[in-house]
Amino acid sequence: MNTMLVGGDVMLKLLKLSEFQNPMTGLNFQGTGTLTTPLGATLLRTSAMPSGKLIGLDKGYALEQICAGDVLVEYDKLIDRQMERAAITSISGFAKLFTDAGKVLVI
């Protein structure tokens, strides 16, 4: 596990743990702006996460991006108004690569 996705409420609970009260952790946060966790994972807060849940995942093996085709660029010109517009289309999606590379913890 190298990444943890948390909501605001879980972030507060994690920061109250004794491991985060280490002075070196606070010094690293003030100097670089990044939090180091006891497990060495990157801690990311997102408002899209439901309250009371934490997702731990390995970024290298949890998801794969699937692209179907190339990027299509279409142009349209209106000569009488001297306007030009472009439409750019890209089809992609995500799939789970290994299901054990990501787990949800309910707190």
PDB file of N, CA and C in Angstrom:
ATOM      1  N   MET A   1       0.851  -1.174   0.000  1.00  0.00           N
ATOM      2  CA  MET A   1       0.000   0.000   0.000  1.00  0.00           C
ATOM      3  C   MET A   1       0.896   1.237   0.000  1.00  0.00           C
ATOM      4  N   ASN A   2       0.667   2.115  -0.965  1.00  0.00           N
ATOM      5  CA  ASN A   2       1.454   3.343  -1.000  1.00  0.00           C
ATOM      6  C   ASN A   2       0.595   4.603  -1.068  1.00  0.00           C
ATOM      7  N   THR A   3      -0.734   4.461  -1.059  1.00  0.00           N
ATOM      8  CA  THR A   3      -1.629   5.617  -1.105  1.00  0.00           C
ATOM      9  C   THR A   3      -2.846   5.354  -0.233  1.00  0.00           C
ATOM     10  N   MET A   4      -3.253   6.370   0.530  1.00  0.00           N
ATOM     11  CA  MET A   4      -4.472   6.288   1.337  1.00  0.00           C
ATOM     12  C   MET A   4      -5.370   7.461   0.973  1.00  0.00           C
ATOM     13  N   LEU A   5      -6.610   7.171   0.556  1.00  0.00           N
ATOM     14  CA  LEU A   5      -7.602   8.199   0.246  1.00  0.00           C
ATOM     15  C   LEU A   5      -8.557   8.299   1.423  1.00  0.00           C
ATOM     16  N   VAL A   6      -8.720   9.503   1.962  1.00  0.00           N
ATOM     17  CA  VAL A   6      -9.569   9.692   3.139  1.00  0.00           C
ATOM     18  C   VAL A   6     -10.423  10.937   2.967  1.00  0.00           C
ATOM     19  N   GLY A   7     -11.526  10.974   3.703  1.00  0.00           N
ATOM     20  CA  GLY A   7     -12.356  12.165   3.802  1.00  0.00           C
ATOM     21  C   GLY A   7     -11.851  13.047   4.936  1.00  0.00           C
ATOM     22  N   GLY A   8     -12.496  14.178   5.128  1.00  0.00           N
ATOM     23  CA  GLY A   8     -12.064  15.113   6.164  1.00  0.00           C
ATOM     24  C   GLY A   8     -12.189  14.567   7.567  1.00  0.00           C
ATOM     25  N   ASP A   9     -13.270  13.830   7.860  1.00  0.00           N
ATOM     26  CA  ASP A   9     -13.466  13.303   9.214  1.00  0.00           C
ATOM     27  C   ASP A   9     -12.440  12.228   9.561  1.00  0.00           C
ATOM     28  N   VAL A  10     -12.111  11.371   8.615  1.00  0.00           N
ATOM     29  CA  VAL A  10     -11.110  10.326   8.862  1.00  0.00           C
ATOM     30  C   VAL A  10      -9.718  10.945   8.966  1.00  0.00           C
ATOM     31  N   MET A  11      -9.469  12.011   8.218  1.00  0.00           N
ATOM     32  CA  MET A  11      -8.183  12.706   8.303  1.00  0.00           C
ATOM     33  C   MET A  11      -7.971  13.253   9.711  1.00  0.00           C
ATOM     34  N   LEU A  12      -9.015  13.815  10.314  1.00  0.00           N
ATOM     35  CA  LEU A  12      -8.897  14.321  11.683  1.00  0.00           C
ATOM     36  C   LEU A  12      -8.613  13.193  12.663  1.00  0.00           C
ATOM     37  N   LYS A  13      -9.272  12.049  12.483  1.00  0.00           N
ATOM     38  CA  LYS A  13      -9.026  10.907  13.370  1.00  0.00           C
ATOM     39  C   LYS A  13      -7.598  10.391  13.228  1.00  0.00           C
ATOM     40  N   LEU A  14      -7.085  10.363  11.999  1.00  0.00           N
ATOM     41  CA  LEU A  14      -5.716   9.896  11.785  1.00  0.00           C
ATOM     42  C   LEU A  14      -4.695  10.845  12.406  1.00  0.00           C
ATOM     43  N   LEU A  15      -4.925  12.146  12.283  1.00  0.00           N
ATOM     44  CA  LEU A  15      -3.967  13.115  12.812  1.00  0.00           C
ATOM     45  C   LEU A  15      -3.930  13.125  14.332  1.00  0.00           C
ATOM     46  N   LYS A  16      -4.960  12.587  14.979  1.00  0.00           N
ATOM     47  CA  LYS A  16      -4.978  12.506  16.441  1.00  0.00           C
ATOM     48  C   LYS A  16      -4.245  11.282  16.974  1.00  0.00           C
ATOM     49  N   LEU A  17      -3.815  10.370  16.101  1.00  0.00           N
ATOM     50  CA  LEU A  17      -3.062   9.195  16.541  1.00  0.00           C
ATOM     51  C   LEU A  17      -1.709   9.617  17.110  1.00  0.00           C
ATOM     52  N   SER A  18      -1.203   8.828  18.040  1.00  0.00           N
ATOM     53  CA  SER A  18       0.073   9.177  18.683  1.00  0.00           C
ATOM     54  C   SER A  18       1.236   9.157  17.692  1.00  0.00           C
ATOM     55  N   GLU A  19       1.149   8.345  16.646  1.00  0.00           N
ATOM     56  CA  GLU A  19       2.226   8.285  15.660  1.00  0.00           C
ATOM     57  C   GLU A  19       2.388   9.604  14.911  1.00  0.00           C
ATOM     58  N   PHE A  20       1.310  10.362  14.775  1.00  0.00           N
ATOM     59  CA  PHE A  20       1.379  11.645  14.082  1.00  0.00           C
ATOM     60  C   PHE A  20       1.814  12.777  15.011  1.00  0.00           C
ATOM     61  N   GLN A  21       1.944  12.501  16.296  1.00  0.00           N
ATOM     62  CA  GLN A  21       2.382  13.521  17.242  1.00  0.00           C
ATOM     63  C   GLN A  21       3.907  13.593  17.323  1.00  0.00           C
ATOM     64  N   ASN A  22       4.597  12.790  16.534  1.00  0.00           N
ATOM     65  CA  ASN A  22       6.054  12.791  16.474  1.00  0.00           C
ATOM     66  C   ASN A  22       6.533  14.155  15.973  1.00  0.00           C
ATOM     67  N   PRO A  23       7.471  14.807  16.663  1.00  0.00           N
ATOM     68  CA  PRO A  23       7.936  16.130  16.214  1.00  0.00           C
ATOM     69  C   PRO A  23       8.559  16.124  14.820  1.00  0.00           C
ATOM     70  N   MET A  24       9.209  15.032  14.438  1.00  0.00           N
ATOM     71  CA  MET A  24       9.818  14.972  13.107  1.00  0.00           C
ATOM     72  C   MET A  24       8.756  14.947  12.010  1.00  0.00           C
ATOM     73  N   THR A  25       7.606  14.327  12.295  1.00  0.00           N
ATOM     74  CA  THR A  25       6.516  14.318  11.322  1.00  0.00           C
ATOM     75  C   THR A  25       6.004  15.733  11.094  1.00  0.00           C
ATOM     76  N   GLY A  26       5.832  16.489  12.177  1.00  0.00           N
ATOM     77  CA  GLY A  26       5.384  17.872  12.057  1.00  0.00           C
ATOM     78  C   GLY A  26       6.390  18.748  11.344  1.00  0.00           C
ATOM     79  N   LEU A  27       7.676  18.516  11.603  1.00  0.00           N
ATOM     80  CA  LEU A  27       8.718  19.292  10.949  1.00  0.00           C
ATOM     81  C   LEU A  27       8.742  19.014   9.451  1.00  0.00           C
ATOM     82  N   ASN A  28       8.566  17.764   9.074  1.00  0.00           N
ATOM     83  CA  ASN A  28       8.525  17.404   7.655  1.00  0.00           C
ATOM     84  C   ASN A  28       7.314  18.042   6.979  1.00  0.00           C
ATOM     85  N   PHE A  29       6.166  18.068   7.651  1.00  0.00           N
ATOM     86  CA  PHE A  29       4.958  18.667   7.083  1.00  0.00           C
ATOM     87  C   PHE A  29       5.132  20.173   6.901  1.00  0.00           C
ATOM     88  N   GLN A  30       5.734  20.836   7.872  1.00  0.00           N
ATOM     89  CA  GLN A  30       5.933  22.282   7.761  1.00  0.00           C
ATOM     90  C   GLN A  30       6.947  22.627   6.676  1.00  0.00           C
ATOM     91  N   GLY A  31       7.944  21.778   6.495  1.00  0.00           N
ATOM     92  CA  GLY A  31       8.987  22.064   5.514  1.00  0.00           C
ATOM     93  C   GLY A  31       8.588  21.753   4.087  1.00  0.00           C
ATOM     94  N   THR A  32       7.896  20.624   3.887  1.00  0.00           N
ATOM     95  CA  THR A  32       7.587  20.192   2.520  1.00  0.00           C
ATOM     96  C   THR A  32       6.107  20.262   2.178  1.00  0.00           C
ATOM     97  N   GLY A  33       5.235  20.291   3.188  1.00  0.00           N
ATOM     98  CA  GLY A  33       3.795  20.310   2.932  1.00  0.00           C
ATOM     99  C   GLY A  33       3.205  18.939   2.705  1.00  0.00           C
ATOM    100  N   THR A  34       4.005  17.890   2.857  1.00  0.00           N
ATOM    101  CA  THR A  34       3.499  16.532   2.677  1.00  0.00           C
ATOM    102  C   THR A  34       3.483  15.809   4.014  1.00  0.00           C
ATOM    103  N   LEU A  35       2.420  15.066   4.244  1.00  0.00           N
ATOM    104  CA  LEU A  35       2.309  14.271   5.463  1.00  0.00           C
ATOM    105  C   LEU A  35       2.943  12.908   5.243  1.00  0.00           C
ATOM    106  N   THR A  36       3.715  12.463   6.207  1.00  0.00           N
ATOM    107  CA  THR A  36       4.235  11.105   6.170  1.00  0.00           C
ATOM    108  C   THR A  36       3.444  10.279   7.166  1.00  0.00           C
ATOM    109  N   THR A  37       3.029   9.120   6.752  1.00  0.00           N
ATOM    110  CA  THR A  37       2.238   8.253   7.619  1.00  0.00           C
ATOM    111  C   THR A  37       3.147   7.213   8.251  1.00  0.00           C
ATOM    112  N   PRO A  38       2.697   6.586   9.331  1.00  0.00           N
ATOM    113  CA  PRO A  38       3.510   5.534   9.948  1.00  0.00           C
ATOM    114  C   PRO A  38       3.804   4.378   8.994  1.00  0.00           C
ATOM    115  N   LEU A  39       2.940   4.136   8.031  1.00  0.00           N
ATOM    116  CA  LEU A  39       3.151   3.047   7.085  1.00  0.00           C
ATOM    117  C   LEU A  39       3.942   3.485   5.858  1.00  0.00           C
ATOM    118  N   GLY A  40       4.245   4.772   5.726  1.00  0.00           N
ATOM    119  CA  GLY A  40       4.980   5.266   4.577  1.00  0.00           C
ATOM    120  C   GLY A  40       4.107   5.569   3.375  1.00  0.00           C
ATOM    121  N   ALA A  41       2.801   5.490   3.512  1.00  0.00           N
ATOM    122  CA  ALA A  41       1.884   5.745   2.399  1.00  0.00           C
ATOM    123  C   ALA A  41       1.597   7.239   2.288  1.00  0.00           C
ATOM    124  N   THR A  42       1.298   7.684   1.084  1.00  0.00           N
ATOM    125  CA  THR A  42       0.900   9.065   0.851  1.00  0.00           C
ATOM    126  C   THR A  42      -0.553   9.234   1.266  1.00  0.00           C
ATOM    127  N   LEU A  43      -0.824  10.248   2.064  1.00  0.00           N
ATOM    128  CA  LEU A  43      -2.165  10.500   2.584  1.00  0.00           C
ATOM    129  C   LEU A  43      -2.818  11.593   1.750  1.00  0.00           C
ATOM    130  N   LEU A  44      -3.934  11.264   1.078  1.00  0.00           N
ATOM    131  CA  LEU A  44      -4.640  12.218   0.222  1.00  0.00           C
ATOM    132  C   LEU A  44      -6.052  12.421   0.741  1.00  0.00           C
ATOM    133  N   ARG A  45      -6.410  13.687   0.997  1.00  0.00           N
ATOM    134  CA  ARG A  45      -7.763  14.006   1.450  1.00  0.00           C
ATOM    135  C   ARG A  45      -8.599  14.411   0.249  1.00  0.00           C
ATOM    136  N   THR A  46      -9.820  13.882   0.194  1.00  0.00           N
ATOM    137  CA  THR A  46     -10.728  14.215  -0.898  1.00  0.00           C
ATOM    138  C   THR A  46     -12.135  14.390  -0.348  1.00  0.00           C
ATOM    139  N   SER A  47     -12.867  15.334  -0.904  1.00  0.00           N
ATOM    140  CA  SER A  47     -14.249  15.558  -0.473  1.00  0.00           C
ATOM    141  C   SER A  47     -15.202  14.552  -1.102  1.00  0.00           C
ATOM    142  N   ALA A  48     -14.736  13.776  -2.066  1.00  0.00           N
ATOM    143  CA  ALA A  48     -15.582  12.776  -2.717  1.00  0.00           C
ATOM    144  C   ALA A  48     -15.723  11.507  -1.887  1.00  0.00           C
ATOM    145  N   MET A  49     -14.923  11.367  -0.841  1.00  0.00           N
ATOM    146  CA  MET A  49     -14.953  10.166  -0.011  1.00  0.00           C
ATOM    147  C   MET A  49     -16.092  10.255   1.000  1.00  0.00           C
ATOM    148  N   PRO A  50     -16.917   9.202   1.120  1.00  0.00           N
ATOM    149  CA  PRO A  50     -17.966   9.205   2.145  1.00  0.00           C
ATOM    150  C   PRO A  50     -17.352   9.231   3.542  1.00  0.00           C
ATOM    151  N   SER A  51     -18.100   9.735   4.498  1.00  0.00           N
ATOM    152  CA  SER A  51     -17.570   9.842   5.856  1.00  0.00           C
ATOM    153  C   SER A  51     -17.377   8.455   6.467  1.00  0.00           C
ATOM    154  N   GLY A  52     -16.310   8.320   7.224  1.00  0.00           N
ATOM    155  CA  GLY A  52     -16.031   7.075   7.922  1.00  0.00           C
ATOM    156  C   GLY A  52     -15.367   6.004   7.088  1.00  0.00           C
ATOM    157  N   LYS A  53     -14.876   6.339   5.891  1.00  0.00           N
ATOM    158  CA  LYS A  53     -14.236   5.333   5.038  1.00  0.00           C
ATOM    159  C   LYS A  53     -12.830   5.770   4.659  1.00  0.00           C
ATOM    160  N   LEU A  54     -11.962   4.777   4.515  1.00  0.00           N
ATOM    161  CA  LEU A  54     -10.585   4.974   4.102  1.00  0.00           C
ATOM    162  C   LEU A  54     -10.281   3.945   3.019  1.00  0.00           C
ATOM    163  N   ILE A  55      -9.678   4.379   1.938  1.00  0.00           N
ATOM    164  CA  ILE A  55      -9.284   3.458   0.870  1.00  0.00           C
ATOM    165  C   ILE A  55      -7.763   3.411   0.836  1.00  0.00           C
ATOM    166  N   GLY A  56      -7.227   2.224   1.005  1.00  0.00           N
ATOM    167  CA  GLY A  56      -5.795   1.999   0.881  1.00  0.00           C
ATOM    168  C   GLY A  56      -5.537   1.253  -0.412  1.00  0.00           C
ATOM    169  N   LEU A  57      -4.596   1.750  -1.215  1.00  0.00           N
ATOM    170  CA  LEU A  57      -4.336   1.088  -2.492  1.00  0.00           C
ATOM    171  C   LEU A  57      -2.880   1.212  -2.890  1.00  0.00           C
ATOM    172  N   ASP A  58      -2.492   0.325  -3.768  1.00  0.00           N
ATOM    173  CA  ASP A  58      -1.175   0.358  -4.388  1.00  0.00           C
ATOM    174  C   ASP A  58      -1.359   0.957  -5.779  1.00  0.00           C
ATOM    175  N   LYS A  59      -0.809   2.145  -5.986  1.00  0.00           N
ATOM    176  CA  LYS A  59      -1.052   2.867  -7.236  1.00  0.00           C
ATOM    177  C   LYS A  59      -0.565   2.118  -8.466  1.00  0.00           C
ATOM    178  N   GLY A  60       0.419   1.286  -8.314  1.00  0.00           N
ATOM    179  CA  GLY A  60       0.971   0.589  -9.464  1.00  0.00           C
ATOM    180  C   GLY A  60       0.144  -0.593  -9.935  1.00  0.00           C
ATOM    181  N   TYR A  61      -0.727  -1.127  -9.049  1.00  0.00           N
ATOM    182  CA  TYR A  61      -1.421  -2.370  -9.388  1.00  0.00           C
ATOM    183  C   TYR A  61      -2.928  -2.333  -9.174  1.00  0.00           C
ATOM    184  N   ALA A  62      -3.488  -1.213  -8.739  1.00  0.00           N
ATOM    185  CA  ALA A  62      -4.911  -1.180  -8.423  1.00  0.00           C
ATOM    186  C   ALA A  62      -5.785  -0.934  -9.653  1.00  0.00           C
ATOM    187  N   LEU A  63      -5.410   0.009 -10.497  1.00  0.00           N
ATOM    188  CA  LEU A  63      -6.235   0.379 -11.650  1.00  0.00           C
ATOM    189  C   LEU A  63      -5.397   0.424 -12.920  1.00  0.00           C
ATOM    190  N   GLU A  64      -6.063   0.178 -14.024  1.00  0.00           N
ATOM    191  CA  GLU A  64      -5.442   0.388 -15.324  1.00  0.00           C
ATOM    192  C   GLU A  64      -6.371   1.250 -16.164  1.00  0.00           C
ATOM    193  N   GLN A  65      -5.784   2.154 -16.929  1.00  0.00           N
ATOM    194  CA  GLN A  65      -6.562   2.998 -17.824  1.00  0.00           C
ATOM    195  C   GLN A  65      -6.626   2.327 -19.185  1.00  0.00           C
ATOM    196  N   ILE A  66      -7.844   2.207 -19.699  1.00  0.00           N
ATOM    197  CA  ILE A  66      -8.066   1.579 -20.995  1.00  0.00           C
ATOM    198  C   ILE A  66      -8.521   2.654 -21.969  1.00  0.00           C
ATOM    199  N   CYS A  67      -7.782   2.820 -23.063  1.00  0.00           N
ATOM    200  CA  CYS A  67      -8.130   3.802 -24.093  1.00  0.00           C
ATOM    201  C   CYS A  67      -8.631   3.057 -25.323  1.00  0.00           C
ATOM    202  N   ALA A  68      -9.789   3.466 -25.812  1.00  0.00           N
ATOM    203  CA  ALA A  68     -10.384   2.830 -26.995  1.00  0.00           C
ATOM    204  C   ALA A  68     -10.231   3.765 -28.180  1.00  0.00           C
ATOM    205  N   GLY A  69      -9.193   3.587 -28.942  1.00  0.00           N
ATOM    206  CA  GLY A  69      -8.991   4.410 -30.126  1.00  0.00           C
ATOM    207  C   GLY A  69      -8.131   5.623 -29.851  1.00  0.00           C
ATOM    208  N   ASP A  70      -7.918   6.390 -30.907  1.00  0.00           N
ATOM    209  CA  ASP A  70      -7.093   7.586 -30.823  1.00  0.00           C
ATOM    210  C   ASP A  70      -7.927   8.782 -30.394  1.00  0.00           C
ATOM    211  N   VAL A  71      -7.250   9.890 -30.200  1.00  0.00           N
ATOM    212  CA  VAL A  71      -7.918  11.154 -29.920  1.00  0.00           C
ATOM    213  C   VAL A  71      -8.407  11.722 -31.247  1.00  0.00           C
ATOM    214  N   LEU A  72      -9.707  11.993 -31.342  1.00  0.00           N
ATOM    215  CA  LEU A  72     -10.299  12.539 -32.565  1.00  0.00           C
ATOM    216  C   LEU A  72     -10.455  14.046 -32.428  1.00  0.00           C
ATOM    217  N   VAL A  73     -10.010  14.778 -33.440  1.00  0.00           N
ATOM    218  CA  VAL A  73     -10.146  16.229 -33.466  1.00  0.00           C
ATOM    219  C   VAL A  73     -10.936  16.590 -34.712  1.00  0.00           C
ATOM    220  N   GLU A  74     -12.063  17.278 -34.518  1.00  0.00           N
ATOM    221  CA  GLU A  74     -12.923  17.691 -35.632  1.00  0.00           C
ATOM    222  C   GLU A  74     -13.045  19.208 -35.620  1.00  0.00           C
ATOM    223  N   TYR A  75     -12.884  19.810 -36.795  1.00  0.00           N
ATOM    224  CA  TYR A  75     -12.969  21.260 -36.931  1.00  0.00           C
ATOM    225  C   TYR A  75     -14.218  21.630 -37.717  1.00  0.00           C
ATOM    226  N   ASP A  76     -14.764  22.789 -37.368  1.00  0.00           N
ATOM    227  CA  ASP A  76     -15.934  23.311 -38.062  1.00  0.00           C
ATOM    228  C   ASP A  76     -15.702  24.804 -38.274  1.00  0.00           C
ATOM    229  N   LYS A  77     -15.880  25.275 -39.507  1.00  0.00           N
ATOM    230  CA  LYS A  77     -15.672  26.687 -39.817  1.00  0.00           C
ATOM    231  C   LYS A  77     -16.971  27.288 -40.325  1.00  0.00           C
ATOM    232  N   LEU A  78     -17.308  28.444 -39.785  1.00  0.00           N
ATOM    233  CA  LEU A  78     -18.425  29.240 -40.280  1.00  0.00           C
ATOM    234  C   LEU A  78     -17.818  30.459 -40.976  1.00  0.00           C
ATOM    235  N   ILE A  79     -17.840  30.429 -42.290  1.00  0.00           N
ATOM    236  CA  ILE A  79     -17.143  31.453 -43.063  1.00  0.00           C
ATOM    237  C   ILE A  79     -17.827  32.810 -42.934  1.00  0.00           C
ATOM    238  N   ASP A  80     -19.169  32.829 -42.909  1.00  0.00           N
ATOM    239  CA  ASP A  80     -19.860  34.116 -42.866  1.00  0.00           C
ATOM    240  C   ASP A  80     -19.636  34.850 -41.538  1.00  0.00           C
ATOM    241  N   ARG A  81     -19.396  34.142 -40.451  1.00  0.00           N
ATOM    242  CA  ARG A  81     -19.142  34.785 -39.154  1.00  0.00           C
ATOM    243  C   ARG A  81     -17.667  34.733 -38.766  1.00  0.00           C
ATOM    244  N   GLN A  82     -16.852  34.112 -39.579  1.00  0.00           N
ATOM    245  CA  GLN A  82     -15.423  33.958 -39.356  1.00  0.00           C
ATOM    246  C   GLN A  82     -15.131  33.316 -37.996  1.00  0.00           C
ATOM    247  N   MET A  83     -15.830  32.218 -37.765  1.00  0.00           N
ATOM    248  CA  MET A  83     -15.643  31.472 -36.518  1.00  0.00           C
ATOM    249  C   MET A  83     -15.111  30.083 -36.837  1.00  0.00           C
ATOM    250  N   GLU A  84     -14.355  29.578 -35.924  1.00  0.00           N
ATOM    251  CA  GLU A  84     -13.844  28.217 -36.045  1.00  0.00           C
ATOM    252  C   GLU A  84     -13.982  27.547 -34.681  1.00  0.00           C
ATOM    253  N   ARG A  85     -14.467  26.328 -34.688  1.00  0.00           N
ATOM    254  CA  ARG A  85     -14.587  25.598 -33.428  1.00  0.00           C
ATOM    255  C   ARG A  85     -14.057  24.186 -33.629  1.00  0.00           C
ATOM    256  N   ALA A  86     -13.612  23.613 -32.538  1.00  0.00           N
ATOM    257  CA  ALA A  86     -13.034  22.271 -32.595  1.00  0.00           C
ATOM    258  C   ALA A  86     -13.677  21.407 -31.522  1.00  0.00           C
ATOM    259  N   ALA A  87     -13.884  20.145 -31.855  1.00  0.00           N
ATOM    260  CA  ALA A  87     -14.387  19.156 -30.900  1.00  0.00           C
ATOM    261  C   ALA A  87     -13.326  18.068 -30.764  1.00  0.00           C
ATOM    262  N   ILE A  88     -12.919  17.821 -29.537  1.00  0.00           N
ATOM    263  CA  ILE A  88     -11.892  16.813 -29.268  1.00  0.00           C
ATOM    264  C   ILE A  88     -12.539  15.671 -28.501  1.00  0.00           C
ATOM    265  N   THR A  89     -12.393  14.445 -29.010  1.00  0.00           N
ATOM    266  CA  THR A  89     -13.030  13.278 -28.414  1.00  0.00           C
ATOM    267  C   THR A  89     -11.972  12.244 -28.042  1.00  0.00           C
ATOM    268  N   SER A  90     -12.067  11.769 -26.822  1.00  0.00           N
ATOM    269  CA  SER A  90     -11.185  10.706 -26.347  1.00  0.00           C
ATOM    270  C   SER A  90     -12.027   9.730 -25.538  1.00  0.00           C
ATOM    271  N   ILE A  91     -11.929   8.451 -25.830  1.00  0.00           N
ATOM    272  CA  ILE A  91     -12.700   7.434 -25.117  1.00  0.00           C
ATOM    273  C   ILE A  91     -11.743   6.643 -24.236  1.00  0.00           C
ATOM    274  N   SER A  92     -11.995   6.675 -22.937  1.00  0.00           N
ATOM    275  CA  SER A  92     -11.154   5.917 -22.010  1.00  0.00           C
ATOM    276  C   SER A  92     -11.977   5.508 -20.803  1.00  0.00           C
ATOM    277  N   GLY A  93     -11.489   4.527 -20.107  1.00  0.00           N
ATOM    278  CA  GLY A  93     -12.145   4.037 -18.904  1.00  0.00           C
ATOM    279  C   GLY A  93     -11.117   3.398 -17.994  1.00  0.00           C
ATOM    280  N   PHE A  94     -11.569   2.948 -16.837  1.00  0.00           N
ATOM    281  CA  PHE A  94     -10.673   2.337 -15.865  1.00  0.00           C
ATOM    282  C   PHE A  94     -11.206   0.971 -15.471  1.00  0.00           C
ATOM    283  N   ALA A  95     -10.301   0.062 -15.195  1.00  0.00           N
ATOM    284  CA  ALA A  95     -10.657  -1.284 -14.755  1.00  0.00           C
ATOM    285  C   ALA A  95      -9.731  -1.674 -13.610  1.00  0.00           C
ATOM    286  N   LYS A  96     -10.225  -2.541 -12.732  1.00  0.00           N
ATOM    287  CA  LYS A  96      -9.398  -3.042 -11.641  1.00  0.00           C
ATOM    288  C   LYS A  96      -8.398  -4.040 -12.201  1.00  0.00           C
ATOM    289  N   LEU A  97      -7.141  -3.795 -11.931  1.00  0.00           N
ATOM    290  CA  LEU A  97      -6.101  -4.689 -12.408  1.00  0.00           C
ATOM    291  C   LEU A  97      -5.981  -5.899 -11.482  1.00  0.00           C
ATOM    292  N   PHE A  98      -5.753  -5.645 -10.201  1.00  0.00           N
ATOM    293  CA  PHE A  98      -5.736  -6.686  -9.174  1.00  0.00           C
ATOM    294  C   PHE A  98      -6.675  -6.247  -8.063  1.00  0.00           C
ATOM    295  N   THR A  99      -7.666  -7.056  -7.735  1.00  0.00           N
ATOM    296  CA  THR A  99      -8.654  -6.660  -6.726  1.00  0.00           C
ATOM    297  C   THR A  99      -8.045  -6.554  -5.336  1.00  0.00           C
ATOM    298  N   ASP A 100      -6.968  -7.274  -5.065  1.00  0.00           N
ATOM    299  CA  ASP A 100      -6.342  -7.205  -3.744  1.00  0.00           C
ATOM    300  C   ASP A 100      -5.418  -5.999  -3.586  1.00  0.00           C
ATOM    301  N   ALA A 101      -5.240  -5.194  -4.620  1.00  0.00           N
ATOM    302  CA  ALA A 101      -4.370  -4.023  -4.544  1.00  0.00           C
ATOM    303  C   ALA A 101      -5.071  -2.821  -3.930  1.00  0.00           C
ATOM    304  N   GLY A 102      -6.359  -2.915  -3.663  1.00  0.00           N
ATOM    305  CA  GLY A 102      -7.101  -1.834  -3.024  1.00  0.00           C
ATOM    306  C   GLY A 102      -8.125  -2.388  -2.060  1.00  0.00           C
ATOM    307  N   LYS A 103      -8.163  -1.804  -0.857  1.00  0.00           N
ATOM    308  CA  LYS A 103      -9.108  -2.249   0.167  1.00  0.00           C
ATOM    309  C   LYS A 103      -9.775  -1.038   0.804  1.00  0.00           C
ATOM    310  N   VAL A 104     -11.023  -1.235   1.267  1.00  0.00           N
ATOM    311  CA  VAL A 104     -11.789  -0.187   1.931  1.00  0.00           C
ATOM    312  C   VAL A 104     -11.880  -0.524   3.408  1.00  0.00           C
ATOM    313  N   LEU A 105     -11.556   0.448   4.254  1.00  0.00           N
ATOM    314  CA  LEU A 105     -11.662   0.296   5.698  1.00  0.00           C
ATOM    315  C   LEU A 105     -12.767   1.218   6.183  1.00  0.00           C
ATOM    316  N   VAL A 106     -13.741   0.661   6.895  1.00  0.00           N
ATOM    317  CA  VAL A 106     -14.828   1.459   7.465  1.00  0.00           C
ATOM    318  C   VAL A 106     -14.481   1.736   8.922  1.00  0.00           C
ATOM    319  N   ILE A 107     -14.428   3.016   9.269  1.00  0.00           N
ATOM    320  CA  ILE A 107     -14.057   3.416  10.638  1.00  0.00           C
ATOM    321  C   ILE A 107     -15.301   3.838  11.394  1.00  0.00           C
TER     322      ILE A 107
END
